[in-house]
PDB file of all heavy atoms in Angstrom:
ATOM      1  N   GLY A   1      45.401  96.239-231.307  1.00  0.00           N
ATOM      2  CA  GLY A   1      45.102  94.765-231.379  1.00  0.00           C
ATOM      3  C   GLY A   1      44.515  94.144-230.061  1.00  0.00           C
ATOM      4  O   GLY A   1      43.599  93.459-229.987  1.00  0.00           O
ATOM      5  N   ILE A   2      45.249  94.571-228.987  1.00  0.00           N
ATOM      6  CA  ILE A   2      44.840  93.963-227.631  1.00  0.00           C
ATOM      7  C   ILE A   2      43.448  94.473-227.240  1.00  0.00           C
ATOM      8  O   ILE A   2      42.635  93.679-226.933  1.00  0.00           O
ATOM      9  CB  ILE A   2      45.896  94.401-226.578  1.00  0.00           C
ATOM     10  CG1 ILE A   2      47.212  93.849-226.914  1.00  0.00           C
ATOM     11  CG2 ILE A   2      45.295  93.968-225.180  1.00  0.00           C
ATOM     12  CD1 ILE A   2      48.302  94.221-226.021  1.00  0.00           C
ATOM     13  N   SER A   3      43.235  95.809-227.356  1.00  0.00           N
ATOM     14  CA  SER A   3      41.866  96.264-226.983  1.00  0.00           C
ATOM     15  C   SER A   3      40.841  95.739-227.966  1.00  0.00           C
ATOM     16  O   SER A   3      39.660  95.493-227.637  1.00  0.00           O
ATOM     17  CB  SER A   3      41.872  97.818-227.090  1.00  0.00           C
ATOM     18  OG  SER A   3      42.200  98.316-228.388  1.00  0.00           O
ATOM     19  N   PHE A   4      41.246  95.439-229.217  1.00  0.00           N
ATOM     20  CA  PHE A   4      40.240  94.901-230.203  1.00  0.00           C
ATOM     21  C   PHE A   4      39.811  93.595-229.814  1.00  0.00           C
ATOM     22  O   PHE A   4      38.689  93.238-229.788  1.00  0.00           O
ATOM     23  CB  PHE A   4      40.931  94.891-231.516  1.00  0.00           C
ATOM     24  CG  PHE A   4      40.091  94.211-232.501  1.00  0.00           C
ATOM     25  CD1 PHE A   4      38.925  94.798-233.184  1.00  0.00           C
ATOM     26  CD2 PHE A   4      40.393  92.826-232.946  1.00  0.00           C
ATOM     27  CE1 PHE A   4      38.209  94.084-234.066  1.00  0.00           C
ATOM     28  CE2 PHE A   4      39.638  92.244-233.950  1.00  0.00           C
ATOM     29  CZ  PHE A   4      38.558  92.821-234.475  1.00  0.00           C
ATOM     30  N   TYR A   5      40.822  92.716-229.469  1.00  0.00           N
ATOM     31  CA  TYR A   5      40.425  91.306-229.015  1.00  0.00           C
ATOM     32  C   TYR A   5      39.710  91.317-227.790  1.00  0.00           C
ATOM     33  O   TYR A   5      38.758  90.475-227.531  1.00  0.00           O
ATOM     34  CB  TYR A   5      41.788  90.435-228.758  1.00  0.00           C
ATOM     35  CG  TYR A   5      42.443  90.032-230.065  1.00  0.00           C
ATOM     36  CD1 TYR A   5      43.699  90.426-230.382  1.00  0.00           C
ATOM     37  CD2 TYR A   5      41.747  89.194-230.984  1.00  0.00           C
ATOM     38  CE1 TYR A   5      44.309  90.115-231.593  1.00  0.00           C
ATOM     39  CE2 TYR A   5      42.338  88.839-232.191  1.00  0.00           C
ATOM     40  CZ  TYR A   5      43.656  89.344-232.460  1.00  0.00           C
ATOM     41  OH  TYR A   5      44.209  88.974-233.705  1.00  0.00           O
ATOM     42  N   THR A   6      39.920  92.201-226.787  1.00  0.00           N
ATOM     43  CA  THR A   6      39.120  92.370-225.605  1.00  0.00           C
ATOM     44  C   THR A   6      37.679  92.719-225.983  1.00  0.00           C
ATOM     45  O   THR A   6      36.698  92.044-225.370  1.00  0.00           O
ATOM     46  CB  THR A   6      39.636  93.362-224.688  1.00  0.00           C
ATOM     47  OG1 THR A   6      41.052  93.032-224.362  1.00  0.00           O
ATOM     48  CG2 THR A   6      38.952  93.411-223.353  1.00  0.00           C
ATOM     49  N   THR A   7      37.496  93.615-226.838  1.00  0.00           N
ATOM     50  CA  THR A   7      36.113  93.944-227.264  1.00  0.00           C
ATOM     51  C   THR A   7      35.448  92.842-227.887  1.00  0.00           C
ATOM     52  O   THR A   7      34.268  92.580-227.712  1.00  0.00           O
ATOM     53  CB  THR A   7      36.239  95.121-228.188  1.00  0.00           C
ATOM     54  OG1 THR A   7      36.950  96.242-227.603  1.00  0.00           O
ATOM     55  CG2 THR A   7      34.899  95.593-228.514  1.00  0.00           C
ATOM     56  N   VAL A   8      36.179  92.051-228.753  1.00  0.00           N
ATOM     57  CA  VAL A   8      35.591  90.897-229.410  1.00  0.00           C
ATOM     58  C   VAL A   8      35.152  89.847-228.464  1.00  0.00           C
ATOM     59  O   VAL A   8      34.043  89.313-228.546  1.00  0.00           O
ATOM     60  CB  VAL A   8      36.619  90.239-230.379  1.00  0.00           C
ATOM     61  CG1 VAL A   8      36.075  88.921-230.879  1.00  0.00           C
ATOM     62  CG2 VAL A   8      36.856  91.181-231.626  1.00  0.00           C
ATOM     63  N   LEU A   9      35.944  89.529-227.459  1.00  0.00           N
ATOM     64  CA  LEU A   9      35.603  88.602-226.406  1.00  0.00           C
ATOM     65  C   LEU A   9      34.335  89.066-225.654  1.00  0.00           C
ATOM     66  O   LEU A   9      33.418  88.266-225.368  1.00  0.00           O
ATOM     67  CB  LEU A   9      36.756  88.343-225.458  1.00  0.00           C
ATOM     68  CG  LEU A   9      38.002  87.567-226.032  1.00  0.00           C
ATOM     69  CD1 LEU A   9      39.057  87.582-224.988  1.00  0.00           C
ATOM     70  CD2 LEU A   9      37.584  86.185-226.504  1.00  0.00           C
ATOM     71  N   GLN A  10      34.273  90.335-225.352  1.00  0.00           N
ATOM     72  CA  GLN A  10      33.147  90.834-224.570  1.00  0.00           C
ATOM     73  C   GLN A  10      31.902  90.742-225.423  1.00  0.00           C
ATOM     74  O   GLN A  10      30.829  90.399-224.959  1.00  0.00           O
ATOM     75  CB  GLN A  10      33.402  92.365-224.124  1.00  0.00           C
ATOM     76  CG  GLN A  10      34.449  92.486-223.085  1.00  0.00           C
ATOM     77  CD  GLN A  10      34.749  93.859-222.720  1.00  0.00           C
ATOM     78  OE1 GLN A  10      34.310  94.865-223.485  1.00  0.00           O
ATOM     79  NE2 GLN A  10      35.546  94.121-221.736  1.00  0.00           N
ATOM     80  N   LYS A  11      32.047  91.073-226.701  1.00  0.00           N
ATOM     81  CA  LYS A  11      30.892  91.021-227.601  1.00  0.00           C
ATOM     82  C   LYS A  11      30.359  89.600-227.755  1.00  0.00           C
ATOM     83  O   LYS A  11      29.197  89.325-227.743  1.00  0.00           O
ATOM     84  CB  LYS A  11      31.198  91.600-228.973  1.00  0.00           C
ATOM     85  CG  LYS A  11      30.072  91.845-229.997  1.00  0.00           C
ATOM     86  CD  LYS A  11      29.183  92.964-229.489  1.00  0.00           C
ATOM     87  CE  LYS A  11      28.162  93.232-230.429  1.00  0.00           C
ATOM     88  NZ  LYS A  11      27.304  94.345-230.107  1.00  0.00           N
ATOM     89  N   MET A  12      31.374  88.569-227.909  1.00  0.00           N
ATOM     90  CA  MET A  12      30.936  87.246-228.021  1.00  0.00           C
ATOM     91  C   MET A  12      30.256  86.662-226.812  1.00  0.00           C
ATOM     92  O   MET A  12      29.342  85.958-226.870  1.00  0.00           O
ATOM     93  CB  MET A  12      32.223  86.412-228.466  1.00  0.00           C
ATOM     94  CG  MET A  12      32.756  86.668-229.852  1.00  0.00           C
ATOM     95  SD  MET A  12      34.159  85.700-230.267  1.00  0.00           S
ATOM     96  CE  MET A  12      33.495  84.054-230.350  1.00  0.00           C
ATOM     97  N   GLN A  13      30.776  87.157-225.601  1.00  0.00           N
ATOM     98  CA  GLN A  13      30.117  86.686-224.403  1.00  0.00           C
ATOM     99  C   GLN A  13      28.693  87.203-224.255  1.00  0.00           C
ATOM    100  O   GLN A  13      27.740  86.562-223.780  1.00  0.00           O
ATOM    101  CB  GLN A  13      30.976  87.226-223.106  1.00  0.00           C
ATOM    102  CG  GLN A  13      30.404  86.759-221.852  1.00  0.00           C
ATOM    103  CD  GLN A  13      30.524  85.245-221.615  1.00  0.00           C
ATOM    104  OE1 GLN A  13      31.408  84.627-222.087  1.00  0.00           O
ATOM    105  NE2 GLN A  13      29.502  84.738-220.940  1.00  0.00           N
ATOM    106  N   HIS A  14      28.538  88.467-224.708  1.00  0.00           N
ATOM    107  CA  HIS A  14      27.197  89.077-224.666  1.00  0.00           C
ATOM    108  C   HIS A  14      26.226  88.339-225.668  1.00  0.00           C
ATOM    109  O   HIS A  14      25.074  88.002-225.251  1.00  0.00           O
ATOM    110  CB  HIS A  14      27.288  90.561-225.111  1.00  0.00           C
ATOM    111  CG  HIS A  14      25.827  91.258-225.162  1.00  0.00           C
ATOM    112  ND1 HIS A  14      25.129  91.554-224.002  1.00  0.00           N
ATOM    113  CD2 HIS A  14      25.245  91.676-226.307  1.00  0.00           C
ATOM    114  CE1 HIS A  14      24.057  92.143-224.439  1.00  0.00           C
ATOM    115  NE2 HIS A  14      24.073  92.190-225.741  1.00  0.00           N
ATOM    116  N   LEU A  15      26.758  87.932-226.824  1.00  0.00           N
ATOM    117  CA  LEU A  15      25.894  87.225-227.686  1.00  0.00           C
ATOM    118  C   LEU A  15      25.554  85.830-227.214  1.00  0.00           C
ATOM    119  O   LEU A  15      24.538  85.353-227.364  1.00  0.00           O
ATOM    120  CB  LEU A  15      26.638  87.040-229.103  1.00  0.00           C
ATOM    121  CG  LEU A  15      26.772  88.349-229.922  1.00  0.00           C
ATOM    122  CD1 LEU A  15      27.597  88.201-231.153  1.00  0.00           C
ATOM    123  CD2 LEU A  15      25.392  88.958-230.308  1.00  0.00           C
ATOM    124  N   ASN A  16      26.526  85.193-226.558  1.00  0.00           N
ATOM    125  CA  ASN A  16      26.269  83.898-225.921  1.00  0.00           C
ATOM    126  C   ASN A  16      25.243  84.027-224.824  1.00  0.00           C
ATOM    127  O   ASN A  16      24.333  83.136-224.762  1.00  0.00           O
ATOM    128  CB  ASN A  16      27.622  83.358-225.349  1.00  0.00           C
ATOM    129  CG  ASN A  16      27.460  82.006-224.866  1.00  0.00           C
ATOM    130  OD1 ASN A  16      26.890  81.071-225.560  1.00  0.00           O
ATOM    131  ND2 ASN A  16      27.951  81.761-223.595  1.00  0.00           N
ATOM    132  N   ASP A  17      25.277  85.060-223.992  1.00  0.00           N
ATOM    133  CA  ASP A  17      24.340  85.243-222.894  1.00  0.00           C
ATOM    134  C   ASP A  17      22.941  85.349-223.592  1.00  0.00           C
ATOM    135  O   ASP A  17      21.880  84.760-223.069  1.00  0.00           O
ATOM    136  CB  ASP A  17      24.632  86.398-222.060  1.00  0.00           C
ATOM    137  CG  ASP A  17      25.920  86.220-221.267  1.00  0.00           C
ATOM    138  OD1 ASP A  17      26.315  85.043-221.069  1.00  0.00           O
ATOM    139  OD2 ASP A  17      26.502  87.154-220.797  1.00  0.00           O
ATOM    140  N   GLU A  18      22.798  86.162-224.672  1.00  0.00           N
ATOM    141  CA  GLU A  18      21.595  86.344-225.315  1.00  0.00           C
ATOM    142  C   GLU A  18      21.073  85.016-225.888  1.00  0.00           C
ATOM    143  O   GLU A  18      19.867  84.708-225.815  1.00  0.00           O
ATOM    144  CB  GLU A  18      21.642  87.384-226.398  1.00  0.00           C
ATOM    145  CG  GLU A  18      21.843  88.760-225.921  1.00  0.00           C
ATOM    146  CD  GLU A  18      21.808  89.846-227.046  1.00  0.00           C
ATOM    147  OE1 GLU A  18      21.951  89.369-228.137  1.00  0.00           O
ATOM    148  OE2 GLU A  18      21.708  90.987-226.759  1.00  0.00           O
ATOM    149  N   ALA A  19      21.943  84.198-226.409  1.00  0.00           N
ATOM    150  CA  ALA A  19      21.465  82.916-227.030  1.00  0.00           C
ATOM    151  C   ALA A  19      20.981  82.021-225.955  1.00  0.00           C
ATOM    152  O   ALA A  19      19.938  81.343-226.169  1.00  0.00           O
ATOM    153  CB  ALA A  19      22.643  82.304-227.786  1.00  0.00           C
ATOM    154  N   GLN A  20      21.633  81.961-224.783  1.00  0.00           N
ATOM    155  CA  GLN A  20      21.219  81.149-223.686  1.00  0.00           C
ATOM    156  C   GLN A  20      19.800  81.566-223.190  1.00  0.00           C
ATOM    157  O   GLN A  20      18.881  80.765-222.844  1.00  0.00           O
ATOM    158  CB  GLN A  20      22.171  81.182-222.557  1.00  0.00           C
ATOM    159  CG  GLN A  20      23.529  80.394-222.887  1.00  0.00           C
ATOM    160  CD  GLN A  20      24.474  80.397-221.733  1.00  0.00           C
ATOM    161  OE1 GLN A  20      24.167  81.041-220.680  1.00  0.00           O
ATOM    162  NE2 GLN A  20      25.549  79.673-221.825  1.00  0.00           N
ATOM    163  N   MET A  21      19.641  82.847-223.084  1.00  0.00           N
ATOM    164  CA  MET A  21      18.337  83.415-222.642  1.00  0.00           C
ATOM    165  C   MET A  21      17.266  83.110-223.550  1.00  0.00           C
ATOM    166  O   MET A  21      16.138  82.741-223.160  1.00  0.00           O
ATOM    167  CB  MET A  21      18.421  84.971-222.411  1.00  0.00           C
ATOM    168  CG  MET A  21      17.224  85.578-221.818  1.00  0.00           C
ATOM    169  SD  MET A  21      17.404  87.394-221.606  1.00  0.00           S
ATOM    170  CE  MET A  21      18.687  87.253-220.345  1.00  0.00           C
ATOM    171  N   THR A  22      17.517  83.152-224.867  1.00  0.00           N
ATOM    172  CA  THR A  22      16.545  82.826-225.906  1.00  0.00           C
ATOM    173  C   THR A  22      16.179  81.310-225.829  1.00  0.00           C
ATOM    174  O   THR A  22      14.943  81.001-225.950  1.00  0.00           O
ATOM    175  CB  THR A  22      17.061  83.118-227.385  1.00  0.00           C
ATOM    176  OG1 THR A  22      17.418  84.534-227.290  1.00  0.00           O
ATOM    177  CG2 THR A  22      16.078  82.830-228.363  1.00  0.00           C
ATOM    178  N   ARG A  23      17.149  80.456-225.615  1.00  0.00           N
ATOM    179  CA  ARG A  23      16.886  79.065-225.492  1.00  0.00           C
ATOM    180  C   ARG A  23      16.037  78.728-224.306  1.00  0.00           C
ATOM    181  O   ARG A  23      15.113  77.943-224.270  1.00  0.00           O
ATOM    182  CB  ARG A  23      18.208  78.253-225.492  1.00  0.00           C
ATOM    183  CG  ARG A  23      18.878  78.149-226.838  1.00  0.00           C
ATOM    184  CD  ARG A  23      19.971  77.101-226.877  1.00  0.00           C
ATOM    185  NE  ARG A  23      21.044  77.433-225.877  1.00  0.00           N
ATOM    186  CZ  ARG A  23      22.196  78.148-226.190  1.00  0.00           C
ATOM    187  NH1 ARG A  23      22.300  78.643-227.426  1.00  0.00           N
ATOM    188  NH2 ARG A  23      23.072  78.402-225.286  1.00  0.00           N
ATOM    189  N   THR A  24      16.387  79.406-223.205  1.00  0.00           N
ATOM    190  CA  THR A  24      15.532  79.226-221.950  1.00  0.00           C
ATOM    191  C   THR A  24      14.067  79.718-222.166  1.00  0.00           C
ATOM    192  O   THR A  24      13.202  79.005-221.676  1.00  0.00           O
ATOM    193  CB  THR A  24      16.245  79.965-220.851  1.00  0.00           C
ATOM    194  OG1 THR A  24      17.558  79.565-220.652  1.00  0.00           O
ATOM    195  CG2 THR A  24      15.384  79.797-219.512  1.00  0.00           C
ATOM    196  N   THR A  25      13.952  80.809-222.776  1.00  0.00           N
ATOM    197  CA  THR A  25      12.534  81.272-223.053  1.00  0.00           C
ATOM    198  C   THR A  25      11.780  80.351-223.901  1.00  0.00           C
ATOM    199  O   THR A  25      10.620  80.077-223.701  1.00  0.00           O
ATOM    200  CB  THR A  25      12.660  82.680-223.681  1.00  0.00           C
ATOM    201  OG1 THR A  25      13.392  83.546-222.937  1.00  0.00           O
ATOM    202  CG2 THR A  25      11.259  83.306-223.807  1.00  0.00           C
ATOM    203  N   GLU A  26      12.490  79.795-224.957  1.00  0.00           N
ATOM    204  CA  GLU A  26      11.782  78.890-225.805  1.00  0.00           C
ATOM    205  C   GLU A  26      11.395  77.559-225.059  1.00  0.00           C
ATOM    206  O   GLU A  26      10.329  77.020-225.349  1.00  0.00           O
ATOM    207  CB  GLU A  26      12.684  78.518-226.941  1.00  0.00           C
ATOM    208  CG  GLU A  26      12.885  79.707-227.949  1.00  0.00           C
ATOM    209  CD  GLU A  26      13.926  79.403-229.110  1.00  0.00           C
ATOM    210  OE1 GLU A  26      14.474  78.339-228.911  1.00  0.00           O
ATOM    211  OE2 GLU A  26      14.032  80.141-230.024  1.00  0.00           O
ATOM    212  N   ARG A  27      12.290  77.143-224.168  1.00  0.00           N
ATOM    213  CA  ARG A  27      11.936  75.927-223.439  1.00  0.00           C
ATOM    214  C   ARG A  27      10.765  76.109-222.469  1.00  0.00           C
ATOM    215  O   ARG A  27       9.830  75.285-222.396  1.00  0.00           O
ATOM    216  CB  ARG A  27      13.126  75.419-222.548  1.00  0.00           C
ATOM    217  CG  ARG A  27      14.263  74.785-223.368  1.00  0.00           C
ATOM    218  CD  ARG A  27      15.168  74.009-222.459  1.00  0.00           C
ATOM    219  NE  ARG A  27      15.818  74.939-221.493  1.00  0.00           N
ATOM    220  CZ  ARG A  27      16.910  75.454-221.591  1.00  0.00           C
ATOM    221  NH1 ARG A  27      17.569  75.310-222.755  1.00  0.00           N
ATOM    222  NH2 ARG A  27      17.455  76.244-220.696  1.00  0.00           N
ATOM    223  N   VAL A  28      10.745  77.333-221.879  1.00  0.00           N
ATOM    224  CA  VAL A  28       9.514  77.655-220.945  1.00  0.00           C
ATOM    225  C   VAL A  28       8.280  77.713-221.846  1.00  0.00           C
ATOM    226  O   VAL A  28       7.166  77.225-221.400  1.00  0.00           O
ATOM    227  CB  VAL A  28       9.827  78.961-220.235  1.00  0.00           C
ATOM    228  CG1 VAL A  28       8.633  79.372-219.477  1.00  0.00           C
ATOM    229  CG2 VAL A  28      10.983  78.768-219.260  1.00  0.00           C
ATOM    230  N   ALA A  29       8.341  78.434-222.982  1.00  0.00           N
ATOM    231  CA  ALA A  29       7.276  78.522-223.854  1.00  0.00           C
ATOM    232  C   ALA A  29       6.674  77.160-224.308  1.00  0.00           C
ATOM    233  O   ALA A  29       5.487  76.878-224.340  1.00  0.00           O
ATOM    234  CB  ALA A  29       7.564  79.351-225.022  1.00  0.00           C
ATOM    235  N   ARG A  30       7.726  76.270-224.683  1.00  0.00           N
ATOM    236  CA  ARG A  30       7.247  74.899-225.128  1.00  0.00           C
ATOM    237  C   ARG A  30       6.575  74.102-223.943  1.00  0.00           C
ATOM    238  O   ARG A  30       5.625  73.460-224.197  1.00  0.00           O
ATOM    239  CB  ARG A  30       8.472  74.152-225.737  1.00  0.00           C
ATOM    240  CG  ARG A  30       8.951  74.653-227.054  1.00  0.00           C
ATOM    241  CD  ARG A  30       9.782  73.601-227.663  1.00  0.00           C
ATOM    242  NE  ARG A  30      10.967  73.295-226.827  1.00  0.00           N
ATOM    243  CZ  ARG A  30      12.109  73.967-227.013  1.00  0.00           C
ATOM    244  NH1 ARG A  30      12.301  74.972-227.863  1.00  0.00           N
ATOM    245  NH2 ARG A  30      13.167  73.634-226.101  1.00  0.00           N
ATOM    246  N   ARG A  31       7.143  74.391-222.755  1.00  0.00           N
ATOM    247  CA  ARG A  31       6.577  73.616-221.598  1.00  0.00           C
ATOM    248  C   ARG A  31       5.239  74.187-221.245  1.00  0.00           C
ATOM    249  O   ARG A  31       4.291  73.412-220.959  1.00  0.00           O
ATOM    250  CB  ARG A  31       7.466  73.907-220.432  1.00  0.00           C
ATOM    251  CG  ARG A  31       7.107  73.097-219.161  1.00  0.00           C
ATOM    252  CD  ARG A  31       8.118  73.348-218.091  1.00  0.00           C
ATOM    253  NE  ARG A  31       9.469  73.080-218.534  1.00  0.00           N
ATOM    254  CZ  ARG A  31      10.544  73.273-217.841  1.00  0.00           C
ATOM    255  NH1 ARG A  31      10.485  73.991-216.620  1.00  0.00           N
ATOM    256  NH2 ARG A  31      11.781  72.976-218.347  1.00  0.00           N
ATOM    257  N   GLY A  32       4.914  75.442-221.408  1.00  0.00           N
ATOM    258  CA  GLY A  32       3.726  75.991-221.140  1.00  0.00           C
ATOM    259  C   GLY A  32       2.654  75.716-222.234  1.00  0.00           C
ATOM    260  O   GLY A  32       1.370  75.665-222.140  1.00  0.00           O
ATOM    261  N   SER A  33       3.115  75.437-223.513  1.00  0.00           N
ATOM    262  CA  SER A  33       2.251  75.242-224.623  1.00  0.00           C
ATOM    263  C   SER A  33       1.880  73.758-224.812  1.00  0.00           C
ATOM    264  O   SER A  33       1.210  73.406-225.717  1.00  0.00           O
ATOM    265  CB  SER A  33       2.835  75.653-225.959  1.00  0.00           C
ATOM    266  OG  SER A  33       4.028  75.021-226.098  1.00  0.00           O
ATOM    267  N   GLY A  34       2.263  72.920-223.887  1.00  0.00           N
ATOM    268  CA  GLY A  34       1.863  71.536-223.929  1.00  0.00           C
ATOM    269  C   GLY A  34       2.880  70.475-224.111  1.00  0.00           C
ATOM    270  O   GLY A  34       2.641  69.393-224.584  1.00  0.00           O
ATOM    271  N   SER A  35       4.147  70.879-223.846  1.00  0.00           N
ATOM    272  CA  SER A  35       5.199  69.917-224.049  1.00  0.00           C
ATOM    273  C   SER A  35       5.158  68.783-222.998  1.00  0.00           C
ATOM    274  O   SER A  35       5.657  67.693-223.166  1.00  0.00           O
ATOM    275  CB  SER A  35       6.554  70.593-223.964  1.00  0.00           C
ATOM    276  OG  SER A  35       6.697  71.228-222.714  1.00  0.00           O
ATOM    277  N   HIS A  36       4.412  69.116-221.860  1.00  0.00           N
ATOM    278  CA  HIS A  36       4.149  68.155-220.862  1.00  0.00           C
ATOM    279  C   HIS A  36       2.667  68.018-220.605  1.00  0.00           C
ATOM    280  O   HIS A  36       2.067  68.429-219.609  1.00  0.00           O
ATOM    281  CB  HIS A  36       4.879  68.405-219.550  1.00  0.00           C
ATOM    282  CG  HIS A  36       6.335  68.533-219.712  1.00  0.00           C
ATOM    283  ND1 HIS A  36       7.151  67.359-219.771  1.00  0.00           N
ATOM    284  CD2 HIS A  36       7.135  69.701-219.775  1.00  0.00           C
ATOM    285  CE1 HIS A  36       8.341  67.781-219.973  1.00  0.00           C
ATOM    286  NE2 HIS A  36       8.521  69.160-219.945  1.00  0.00           N
ATOM    287  N   PRO A  37       1.853  67.512-221.501  1.00  0.00           N
ATOM    288  CA  PRO A  37       0.427  67.449-221.387  1.00  0.00           C
ATOM    289  C   PRO A  37      -0.112  66.750-220.256  1.00  0.00           C
ATOM    290  O   PRO A  37      -1.130  67.062-219.652  1.00  0.00           O
ATOM    291  CB  PRO A  37      -0.018  66.848-222.733  1.00  0.00           C
ATOM    292  CG  PRO A  37       1.141  65.969-223.109  1.00  0.00           C
ATOM    293  CD  PRO A  37       2.313  66.747-222.673  1.00  0.00           C
ATOM    294  N   VAL A  38       0.622  65.730-219.799  1.00  0.00           N
ATOM    295  CA  VAL A  38       0.131  64.931-218.589  1.00  0.00           C
ATOM    296  C   VAL A  38       0.188  65.766-217.258  1.00  0.00           C
ATOM    297  O   VAL A  38      -0.818  65.868-216.595  1.00  0.00           O
ATOM    298  CB  VAL A  38       0.988  63.659-218.400  1.00  0.00           C
ATOM    299  CG1 VAL A  38       0.533  62.940-217.211  1.00  0.00           C
ATOM    300  CG2 VAL A  38       0.816  62.722-219.627  1.00  0.00           C
ATOM    301  N   ARG A  39       1.324  66.463-217.155  1.00  0.00           N
ATOM    302  CA  ARG A  39       1.405  67.305-216.006  1.00  0.00           C
ATOM    303  C   ARG A  39       0.377  68.436-215.998  1.00  0.00           C
ATOM    304  O   ARG A  39      -0.238  68.798-215.024  1.00  0.00           O
ATOM    305  CB  ARG A  39       2.808  67.811-215.859  1.00  0.00           C
ATOM    306  CG  ARG A  39       3.022  68.588-214.578  1.00  0.00           C
ATOM    307  CD  ARG A  39       4.563  69.085-214.545  1.00  0.00           C
ATOM    308  NE  ARG A  39       4.785  69.876-213.381  1.00  0.00           N
ATOM    309  CZ  ARG A  39       5.890  70.403-213.029  1.00  0.00           C
ATOM    310  NH1 ARG A  39       6.922  70.241-213.903  1.00  0.00           N
ATOM    311  NH2 ARG A  39       6.034  71.179-212.036  1.00  0.00           N
ATOM    312  N   ARG A  40       0.319  69.108-217.183  1.00  0.00           N
ATOM    313  CA  ARG A  40      -0.591  70.172-217.371  1.00  0.00           C
ATOM    314  C   ARG A  40      -2.001  69.779-217.103  1.00  0.00           C
ATOM    315  O   ARG A  40      -2.803  70.450-216.417  1.00  0.00           O
ATOM    316  CB  ARG A  40      -0.375  70.816-218.685  1.00  0.00           C
ATOM    317  CG  ARG A  40      -1.302  72.068-218.842  1.00  0.00           C
ATOM    318  CD  ARG A  40      -1.156  72.639-220.349  1.00  0.00           C
ATOM    319  NE  ARG A  40      -2.029  73.728-220.509  1.00  0.00           N
ATOM    320  CZ  ARG A  40      -2.262  74.310-221.678  1.00  0.00           C
ATOM    321  NH1 ARG A  40      -1.756  73.667-222.778  1.00  0.00           N
ATOM    322  NH2 ARG A  40      -2.971  75.394-221.809  1.00  0.00           N
ATOM    323  N   GLY A  41      -2.396  68.656-217.668  1.00  0.00           N
ATOM    324  CA  GLY A  41      -3.764  68.145-217.486  1.00  0.00           C
ATOM    325  C   GLY A  41      -4.128  67.831-216.102  1.00  0.00           C
ATOM    326  O   GLY A  41      -5.202  68.082-215.610  1.00  0.00           O
ATOM    327  N   ARG A  42      -3.060  67.310-215.313  1.00  0.00           N
ATOM    328  CA  ARG A  42      -3.316  66.968-213.883  1.00  0.00           C
ATOM    329  C   ARG A  42      -3.516  68.272-213.142  1.00  0.00           C
ATOM    330  O   ARG A  42      -4.380  68.297-212.208  1.00  0.00           O
ATOM    331  CB  ARG A  42      -2.036  66.225-213.359  1.00  0.00           C
ATOM    332  CG  ARG A  42      -2.241  65.839-211.982  1.00  0.00           C
ATOM    333  CD  ARG A  42      -1.114  64.893-211.611  1.00  0.00           C
ATOM    334  NE  ARG A  42      -1.065  64.612-210.161  1.00  0.00           N
ATOM    335  CZ  ARG A  42      -0.508  65.188-209.251  1.00  0.00           C
ATOM    336  NH1 ARG A  42       0.230  66.300-209.528  1.00  0.00           N
ATOM    337  NH2 ARG A  42      -0.567  64.847-207.931  1.00  0.00           N
TER     338      ARG A  42
END
């Protein structure tokens, strides 16, 4: 049980890190694709 819960926590932390990285990538992509047209046009 103890080693199982430790593995679960590690796995959930890894999934959380991947989710944050995915959200960051999407924000950068939206920014580059025209989410700030005024700044990009300047």
